């Protein structure tokens, strides 16, 4: 038997909290991915200044959602379509 694990499906995020996949390991062995919340410490402080220097603009969440919707990158929940892999037929 080799050390390759069998494929497994990761359960979806079933909470109302926005979560991200996090995966850490020991440096030689990978850990399984798991849902986790994004913490302020997960984004280095120097990335903020670099992003602003690259042209990022600070906006409110309302403005962000409006811009995402205008760009076609956000749909209302009633228009949500499941990913292609989940569509039967």
N, C-alpha and C. Protein backbone atom coordinates (compact mmCIF):
# COMPACT_ATOMS: atom_id res chain seq x y z
N UNK A 1 0.84 -1.18 0.00
CA UNK A 1 0.00 0.00 0.00
C UNK A 1 0.88 1.24 0.00
N UNK A 2 0.53 2.23 -0.83
CA UNK A 2 1.30 3.46 -0.85
C UNK A 2 0.66 4.49 0.09
N UNK A 3 1.27 5.65 0.22
CA UNK A 3 0.77 6.67 1.15
C UNK A 3 -0.26 7.59 0.54
N UNK A 4 -0.74 7.30 -0.67
CA UNK A 4 -1.71 8.16 -1.31
C UNK A 4 -3.10 7.91 -0.72
N UNK A 5 -3.73 8.94 -0.16
CA UNK A 5 -5.06 8.74 0.42
C UNK A 5 -6.12 8.59 -0.67
N UNK A 6 -7.20 7.97 -0.35
CA UNK A 6 -8.32 7.84 -1.28
C UNK A 6 -9.05 9.18 -1.37
N UNK A 7 -9.66 9.44 -2.51
CA UNK A 7 -10.42 10.67 -2.68
C UNK A 7 -11.62 10.67 -1.74
N UNK A 8 -11.92 11.83 -1.19
CA UNK A 8 -13.10 11.98 -0.34
C UNK A 8 -13.72 13.33 -0.62
N UNK A 9 -15.01 13.43 -0.49
CA UNK A 9 -15.70 14.71 -0.68
C UNK A 9 -15.72 15.48 0.61
N UNK A 10 -15.43 16.75 0.52
CA UNK A 10 -15.51 17.64 1.67
C UNK A 10 -16.93 18.17 1.76
N UNK A 11 -17.53 18.05 2.92
CA UNK A 11 -18.90 18.55 3.10
C UNK A 11 -18.91 20.06 2.92
N UNK A 12 -19.96 20.57 2.34
CA UNK A 12 -20.09 22.02 2.13
C UNK A 12 -20.26 22.77 3.44
N UNK A 13 -20.04 24.06 3.37
CA UNK A 13 -20.24 24.93 4.53
C UNK A 13 -21.74 25.10 4.73
N UNK A 14 -22.29 24.51 5.76
CA UNK A 14 -23.73 24.55 6.01
C UNK A 14 -24.12 25.61 7.02
N UNK A 15 -23.22 26.53 7.35
CA UNK A 15 -23.54 27.58 8.31
C UNK A 15 -23.85 28.87 7.57
N UNK A 16 -24.39 29.84 8.29
CA UNK A 16 -24.66 31.16 7.71
C UNK A 16 -23.41 32.04 7.74
N UNK A 17 -22.34 31.53 8.31
CA UNK A 17 -21.08 32.28 8.42
C UNK A 17 -20.22 32.02 7.18
N UNK A 18 -19.67 33.07 6.61
CA UNK A 18 -18.77 32.90 5.47
C UNK A 18 -17.50 32.23 5.96
N UNK A 19 -17.15 31.12 5.34
CA UNK A 19 -15.97 30.38 5.75
C UNK A 19 -15.09 30.09 4.55
N UNK A 20 -13.85 29.79 4.80
CA UNK A 20 -12.86 29.51 3.77
C UNK A 20 -12.18 28.20 4.09
N UNK A 21 -11.70 27.53 3.04
CA UNK A 21 -10.96 26.30 3.28
C UNK A 21 -9.58 26.63 3.81
N UNK A 22 -9.22 25.97 4.89
CA UNK A 22 -7.90 26.15 5.48
C UNK A 22 -7.22 24.80 5.50
N UNK A 23 -5.95 24.80 5.17
CA UNK A 23 -5.20 23.56 5.21
C UNK A 23 -3.79 23.87 5.69
N UNK A 24 -3.39 23.22 6.74
CA UNK A 24 -2.03 23.37 7.24
C UNK A 24 -1.44 21.99 7.42
N UNK A 25 -0.16 21.95 7.45
CA UNK A 25 0.51 20.67 7.63
C UNK A 25 1.72 20.82 8.53
N UNK A 26 2.50 19.78 8.62
CA UNK A 26 3.66 19.80 9.49
C UNK A 26 4.92 20.26 8.76
N UNK A 27 4.83 20.51 7.48
CA UNK A 27 6.01 20.84 6.68
C UNK A 27 6.42 19.68 5.80
N UNK A 28 6.02 18.49 6.20
CA UNK A 28 6.30 17.30 5.38
C UNK A 28 5.03 16.52 5.09
N UNK A 29 4.04 16.62 5.98
CA UNK A 29 2.79 15.90 5.81
C UNK A 29 1.65 16.90 5.76
N UNK A 30 0.80 16.77 4.75
CA UNK A 30 -0.33 17.67 4.60
C UNK A 30 -1.48 17.25 5.50
N UNK A 31 -2.18 18.23 6.05
CA UNK A 31 -3.38 17.94 6.84
C UNK A 31 -4.59 18.01 5.92
N UNK A 32 -5.69 17.46 6.34
CA UNK A 32 -6.92 17.53 5.57
C UNK A 32 -7.45 18.96 5.58
N UNK A 33 -8.04 19.44 4.48
CA UNK A 33 -8.63 20.77 4.49
C UNK A 33 -9.88 20.78 5.36
N UNK A 34 -10.17 21.93 5.93
CA UNK A 34 -11.35 22.09 6.78
C UNK A 34 -11.88 23.49 6.63
N UNK A 35 -13.18 23.68 6.88
CA UNK A 35 -13.78 25.01 6.83
C UNK A 35 -13.36 25.79 8.07
N UNK A 36 -13.02 27.05 7.87
CA UNK A 36 -12.61 27.91 8.97
C UNK A 36 -12.94 29.35 8.62
N UNK A 37 -13.02 30.21 9.60
CA UNK A 37 -13.26 31.63 9.35
C UNK A 37 -11.93 32.32 9.09
N UNK A 38 -11.98 33.39 8.32
CA UNK A 38 -10.79 34.17 8.02
C UNK A 38 -10.58 35.17 9.14
N UNK A 39 -9.40 35.19 9.70
CA UNK A 39 -9.08 36.10 10.79
C UNK A 39 -8.19 37.22 10.28
N UNK A 40 -8.22 38.35 10.98
CA UNK A 40 -7.40 39.50 10.57
C UNK A 40 -5.93 39.11 10.47
N UNK A 41 -5.47 38.24 11.35
CA UNK A 41 -4.08 37.81 11.35
C UNK A 41 -3.70 36.94 10.16
N UNK A 42 -4.72 36.46 9.40
CA UNK A 42 -4.44 35.64 8.23
C UNK A 42 -3.96 36.48 7.05
N UNK A 43 -4.19 37.79 7.12
CA UNK A 43 -3.77 38.69 6.05
C UNK A 43 -2.65 39.56 6.60
N UNK A 44 -1.45 39.45 6.06
CA UNK A 44 -0.34 40.23 6.59
C UNK A 44 -0.60 41.73 6.49
N UNK A 45 -0.17 42.48 7.47
CA UNK A 45 -0.37 43.93 7.50
C UNK A 45 0.26 44.59 6.28
N UNK A 46 1.41 44.08 5.83
CA UNK A 46 2.08 44.71 4.69
C UNK A 46 1.28 44.54 3.39
N UNK A 47 0.39 43.56 3.34
CA UNK A 47 -0.41 43.36 2.14
C UNK A 47 -1.39 44.51 1.93
N UNK A 48 -1.85 45.12 3.01
CA UNK A 48 -2.79 46.24 2.90
C UNK A 48 -2.13 47.39 2.16
N UNK A 49 -0.95 47.78 2.58
CA UNK A 49 -0.25 48.90 1.95
C UNK A 49 0.09 48.58 0.49
N UNK A 50 0.50 47.35 0.23
CA UNK A 50 0.83 46.95 -1.14
C UNK A 50 -0.42 46.99 -2.03
N UNK A 51 -1.55 46.56 -1.49
CA UNK A 51 -2.79 46.57 -2.26
C UNK A 51 -3.21 47.99 -2.59
N UNK A 52 -3.11 48.90 -1.62
CA UNK A 52 -3.45 50.30 -1.86
C UNK A 52 -2.50 50.90 -2.90
N UNK A 53 -1.23 50.58 -2.79
CA UNK A 53 -0.25 51.08 -3.75
C UNK A 53 -0.52 50.56 -5.16
N UNK A 54 -1.10 49.36 -5.25
CA UNK A 54 -1.40 48.76 -6.54
C UNK A 54 -2.72 49.25 -7.12
N UNK A 55 -3.42 50.10 -6.38
CA UNK A 55 -4.66 50.68 -6.90
C UNK A 55 -5.93 50.25 -6.21
N UNK A 56 -5.83 49.42 -5.18
CA UNK A 56 -7.03 49.02 -4.44
C UNK A 56 -7.63 50.25 -3.75
N UNK A 57 -8.93 50.24 -3.62
CA UNK A 57 -9.64 51.37 -3.01
C UNK A 57 -10.47 50.84 -1.85
N UNK A 58 -10.43 51.52 -0.72
CA UNK A 58 -11.26 51.13 0.42
C UNK A 58 -12.70 51.53 0.14
N UNK A 59 -13.62 50.59 0.23
CA UNK A 59 -15.04 50.86 0.03
C UNK A 59 -15.84 50.14 1.10
N UNK A 60 -17.06 50.57 1.30
CA UNK A 60 -17.93 49.90 2.27
C UNK A 60 -18.40 48.57 1.68
N UNK A 61 -18.93 47.70 2.53
CA UNK A 61 -19.42 46.41 2.04
C UNK A 61 -20.59 46.60 1.08
N UNK A 62 -21.40 47.63 1.30
CA UNK A 62 -22.53 47.89 0.41
C UNK A 62 -22.05 48.26 -0.99
N UNK A 63 -21.03 49.10 -1.06
CA UNK A 63 -20.47 49.47 -2.36
C UNK A 63 -19.83 48.26 -3.03
N UNK A 64 -19.14 47.45 -2.27
CA UNK A 64 -18.50 46.25 -2.81
C UNK A 64 -19.54 45.32 -3.43
N UNK A 65 -20.62 45.05 -2.71
CA UNK A 65 -21.66 44.16 -3.22
C UNK A 65 -22.30 44.74 -4.47
N UNK A 66 -22.53 46.05 -4.48
CA UNK A 66 -23.11 46.71 -5.65
C UNK A 66 -22.19 46.56 -6.86
N UNK A 67 -20.89 46.75 -6.66
CA UNK A 67 -19.94 46.62 -7.76
C UNK A 67 -19.83 45.18 -8.25
N UNK A 68 -19.85 44.22 -7.33
CA UNK A 68 -19.80 42.82 -7.73
C UNK A 68 -21.02 42.43 -8.56
N UNK A 69 -22.20 42.88 -8.12
CA UNK A 69 -23.43 42.58 -8.85
C UNK A 69 -23.40 43.23 -10.23
N UNK A 70 -22.94 44.47 -10.32
CA UNK A 70 -22.87 45.16 -11.60
C UNK A 70 -21.91 44.46 -12.57
N UNK A 71 -20.89 43.83 -12.03
CA UNK A 71 -19.92 43.11 -12.87
C UNK A 71 -20.38 41.68 -13.18
N UNK A 72 -21.54 41.29 -12.66
CA UNK A 72 -22.05 39.94 -12.89
C UNK A 72 -21.37 38.88 -12.04
N UNK A 73 -20.70 39.30 -10.97
CA UNK A 73 -19.98 38.36 -10.12
C UNK A 73 -20.74 38.00 -8.86
N UNK A 74 -21.95 38.50 -8.72
CA UNK A 74 -22.77 38.15 -7.55
C UNK A 74 -24.22 38.08 -8.00
N UNK A 75 -24.87 37.00 -7.62
CA UNK A 75 -26.29 36.83 -7.94
C UNK A 75 -27.10 36.78 -6.66
N UNK A 76 -28.33 37.27 -6.71
CA UNK A 76 -29.22 37.09 -5.56
C UNK A 76 -29.44 35.60 -5.32
N UNK A 77 -29.73 35.22 -4.09
CA UNK A 77 -29.87 33.80 -3.76
C UNK A 77 -30.91 33.09 -4.63
N UNK A 78 -31.99 33.78 -4.99
CA UNK A 78 -33.03 33.11 -5.77
C UNK A 78 -32.57 32.82 -7.21
N UNK A 79 -31.45 33.39 -7.63
CA UNK A 79 -30.92 33.11 -8.96
C UNK A 79 -29.70 32.19 -8.92
N UNK A 80 -29.40 31.66 -7.74
CA UNK A 80 -28.21 30.80 -7.59
C UNK A 80 -28.38 29.53 -8.40
N UNK A 81 -27.32 29.18 -9.11
CA UNK A 81 -27.29 27.91 -9.83
C UNK A 81 -26.20 27.06 -9.22
N UNK A 82 -26.45 25.76 -8.99
CA UNK A 82 -25.41 24.89 -8.43
C UNK A 82 -24.26 24.74 -9.42
N UNK A 83 -23.07 24.42 -8.93
CA UNK A 83 -21.94 24.17 -9.83
C UNK A 83 -22.27 23.06 -10.81
N UNK A 84 -21.65 23.08 -11.97
CA UNK A 84 -21.93 22.12 -13.03
C UNK A 84 -21.81 20.68 -12.55
N UNK A 85 -20.84 20.39 -11.68
CA UNK A 85 -20.62 19.02 -11.21
C UNK A 85 -21.83 18.48 -10.45
N UNK A 86 -22.66 19.37 -9.88
CA UNK A 86 -23.80 18.92 -9.10
C UNK A 86 -25.08 18.80 -9.93
N UNK A 87 -25.07 19.28 -11.17
CA UNK A 87 -26.25 19.24 -12.00
C UNK A 87 -26.39 17.84 -12.58
N UNK A 88 -27.57 17.26 -12.41
CA UNK A 88 -27.80 15.92 -12.93
C UNK A 88 -28.26 16.01 -14.37
N UNK A 89 -27.97 14.96 -15.13
CA UNK A 89 -28.47 14.91 -16.48
C UNK A 89 -27.39 14.84 -17.43
